Protein backbone atom coordinates (compact mmCIF):
# COMPACT_ATOMS: atom_id res chain seq x y z
CA UNK A 1 5.63 22.59 -5.70
CA UNK A 2 6.88 19.02 -5.85
CA UNK A 3 7.43 16.78 -2.83
CA UNK A 4 11.19 17.05 -3.36
CA UNK A 5 11.04 20.86 -3.35
CA UNK A 6 8.95 20.85 -0.16
CA UNK A 7 11.40 18.42 1.46
CA UNK A 8 14.32 20.69 0.55
CA UNK A 9 12.52 23.67 2.11
CA UNK A 10 11.76 21.70 5.27
CA UNK A 11 15.33 20.44 5.43
CA UNK A 12 16.58 24.05 5.36
CA UNK A 13 14.54 24.89 8.47
CA UNK A 14 15.63 22.65 11.32
CA UNK A 15 12.49 23.37 13.36
CA UNK A 16 10.20 22.18 10.54
CA UNK A 17 12.52 19.24 9.90
CA UNK A 18 12.21 18.14 13.53
CA UNK A 19 8.42 18.64 13.44
CA UNK A 20 8.19 16.42 10.36
CA UNK A 21 10.26 13.73 12.12
CA UNK A 22 7.96 13.97 15.15
CA UNK A 23 4.87 13.67 12.93
CA UNK A 24 6.29 10.50 11.41
CA UNK A 25 7.21 9.03 14.79
CA UNK A 26 3.75 9.81 16.18
CA UNK A 27 2.23 7.63 13.47
CA UNK A 28 4.67 4.69 13.47
CA UNK A 29 6.20 4.65 16.95
CA UNK A 30 5.65 1.89 19.42
CA UNK A 31 6.68 -1.71 19.68
CA UNK A 32 4.00 -3.13 17.39
CA UNK A 33 3.12 -0.64 14.64
CA UNK A 34 6.08 -1.35 12.35
CA UNK A 35 5.68 -5.14 12.60
CA UNK A 36 1.97 -4.76 11.77
CA UNK A 37 2.74 -2.53 8.80
CA UNK A 38 5.51 -4.84 7.59
CA UNK A 39 3.26 -7.89 7.79
CA UNK A 40 0.66 -6.10 5.62
CA UNK A 41 3.15 -5.41 2.81
CA UNK A 42 2.22 -8.90 1.51
CA UNK A 43 -1.45 -7.91 1.18
CA UNK A 44 -4.71 -8.10 3.10
CA UNK A 45 -4.81 -10.12 6.28
CA UNK A 46 -7.44 -11.13 8.76
CA UNK A 47 -6.99 -10.34 12.44
CA UNK A 48 -5.94 -13.89 13.30
CA UNK A 49 -3.42 -13.94 10.43
CA UNK A 50 -1.85 -10.75 11.78
CA UNK A 51 -1.82 -12.16 15.29
CA UNK A 52 -0.08 -15.33 14.04
CA UNK A 53 2.44 -13.33 11.98
CA UNK A 54 3.58 -11.15 14.89
CA UNK A 55 5.20 -13.02 17.77
CA UNK A 56 4.06 -12.18 21.29
CA UNK A 57 1.43 -9.56 20.38
CA UNK A 58 -1.74 -9.88 22.42
CA UNK A 59 -5.15 -9.64 20.74
CA UNK A 60 -5.93 -6.56 22.82
CA UNK A 61 -2.72 -4.80 21.74
CA UNK A 62 -3.20 -5.78 18.09
CA UNK A 63 -6.71 -4.37 18.16
CA UNK A 64 -5.53 -1.12 19.77
CA UNK A 65 -2.66 -0.65 17.31
CA UNK A 66 -4.84 -1.43 14.28
CA UNK A 67 -7.36 1.21 15.42
CA UNK A 68 -4.57 3.79 15.78
CA UNK A 69 -3.12 2.91 12.38
CA UNK A 70 -6.58 3.20 10.87
CA UNK A 71 -7.13 6.62 12.49
CA UNK A 72 -3.80 7.78 11.07
CA UNK A 73 -4.67 6.66 7.54
CA UNK A 74 -2.11 3.85 7.36
CA UNK A 75 -4.48 0.85 7.47
CA UNK A 76 -7.94 0.23 6.03
CA UNK A 77 -10.35 -2.08 7.81
CA UNK A 78 -12.52 -3.85 5.23
CA UNK A 79 -15.74 -5.46 6.43
CA UNK A 80 -17.11 -7.96 3.90
CA UNK A 81 -20.83 -8.61 4.04
CA UNK A 82 -20.65 -12.38 4.36
CA UNK A 83 -21.82 -14.94 6.86
CA UNK A 84 -19.91 -15.00 9.10
CA UNK A 85 -18.67 -11.43 8.69
CA UNK A 86 -15.18 -11.30 7.22
CA UNK A 87 -12.91 -8.44 8.33
CA UNK A 88 -9.59 -7.87 6.60
CA UNK A 89 -6.92 -5.24 7.07
CA UNK A 90 -4.82 -3.71 4.31
CA UNK A 91 -2.40 -0.84 3.91
CA UNK A 92 -3.55 2.42 2.41
CA UNK A 93 -1.44 4.15 -0.22
CA UNK A 94 0.20 6.09 2.61
CA UNK A 95 0.91 2.81 4.39
CA UNK A 96 2.50 1.34 1.27
CA UNK A 97 4.65 4.47 0.99
CA UNK A 98 6.27 3.48 4.30
CA UNK A 99 7.97 0.53 2.57
CA UNK A 100 10.95 2.64 1.50
CA UNK A 101 11.22 4.06 5.04
CA UNK A 102 11.17 0.60 6.62
CA UNK A 103 13.58 -0.78 4.01
CA UNK A 104 15.98 2.08 4.81
CA UNK A 105 15.62 1.34 8.54
CA UNK A 106 16.40 -2.34 7.94
CA UNK A 107 19.46 -1.48 5.86
CA UNK A 108 20.68 1.00 8.48
CA UNK A 109 20.08 -1.53 11.27
CA UNK A 110 22.04 -4.25 9.50
CA UNK A 111 24.92 -1.89 8.76
CA UNK A 112 24.92 -0.48 12.28
CA UNK A 113 24.79 -3.92 13.90
CA UNK A 114 27.71 -5.07 11.77
CA UNK A 115 29.72 -1.94 12.69
CA UNK A 116 29.01 -2.33 16.41
CA UNK A 117 29.79 -6.06 16.47
CA UNK A 118 33.02 -5.51 14.56
CA UNK A 119 33.96 -2.40 16.54
CA UNK A 120 37.52 -2.61 17.89
C-alpha cells in the first residue's frame, strides 16, 4: 500500500487523522524545533553555528531540543574523531521530508497574515 493510499485511509477516519496530527505535533512542537530544523536545511552545522543562526535560543535549550530531535529521528549527531572533537548536526531523511511541511506552513502564514491585515 502506497503512502498516498494510507493517507486516504487515515483521512477517512477522523480519529486516526487526529492521531496522526498529534504524532506530528509531538515531534515538531515547541518554540525552537522548527527553527532548528529549518536552519539545518542548508546542511550540517556545529552547535555554535546553530546557536548563532537562531536568535535568542540559549545553549541549554538548544542542547535539549537537539537531543529530543535526535530521539525522534529528525536530527543526526555526528561526532568526528578529530582533535579537538568535532560535533556536527544534520537532518535525517525524515527531517528533510519536513521541508514540504514547513514550506506549506510558511505559505499559509504569509497568506493568512495578508488576509488578516487586509481584513475589512
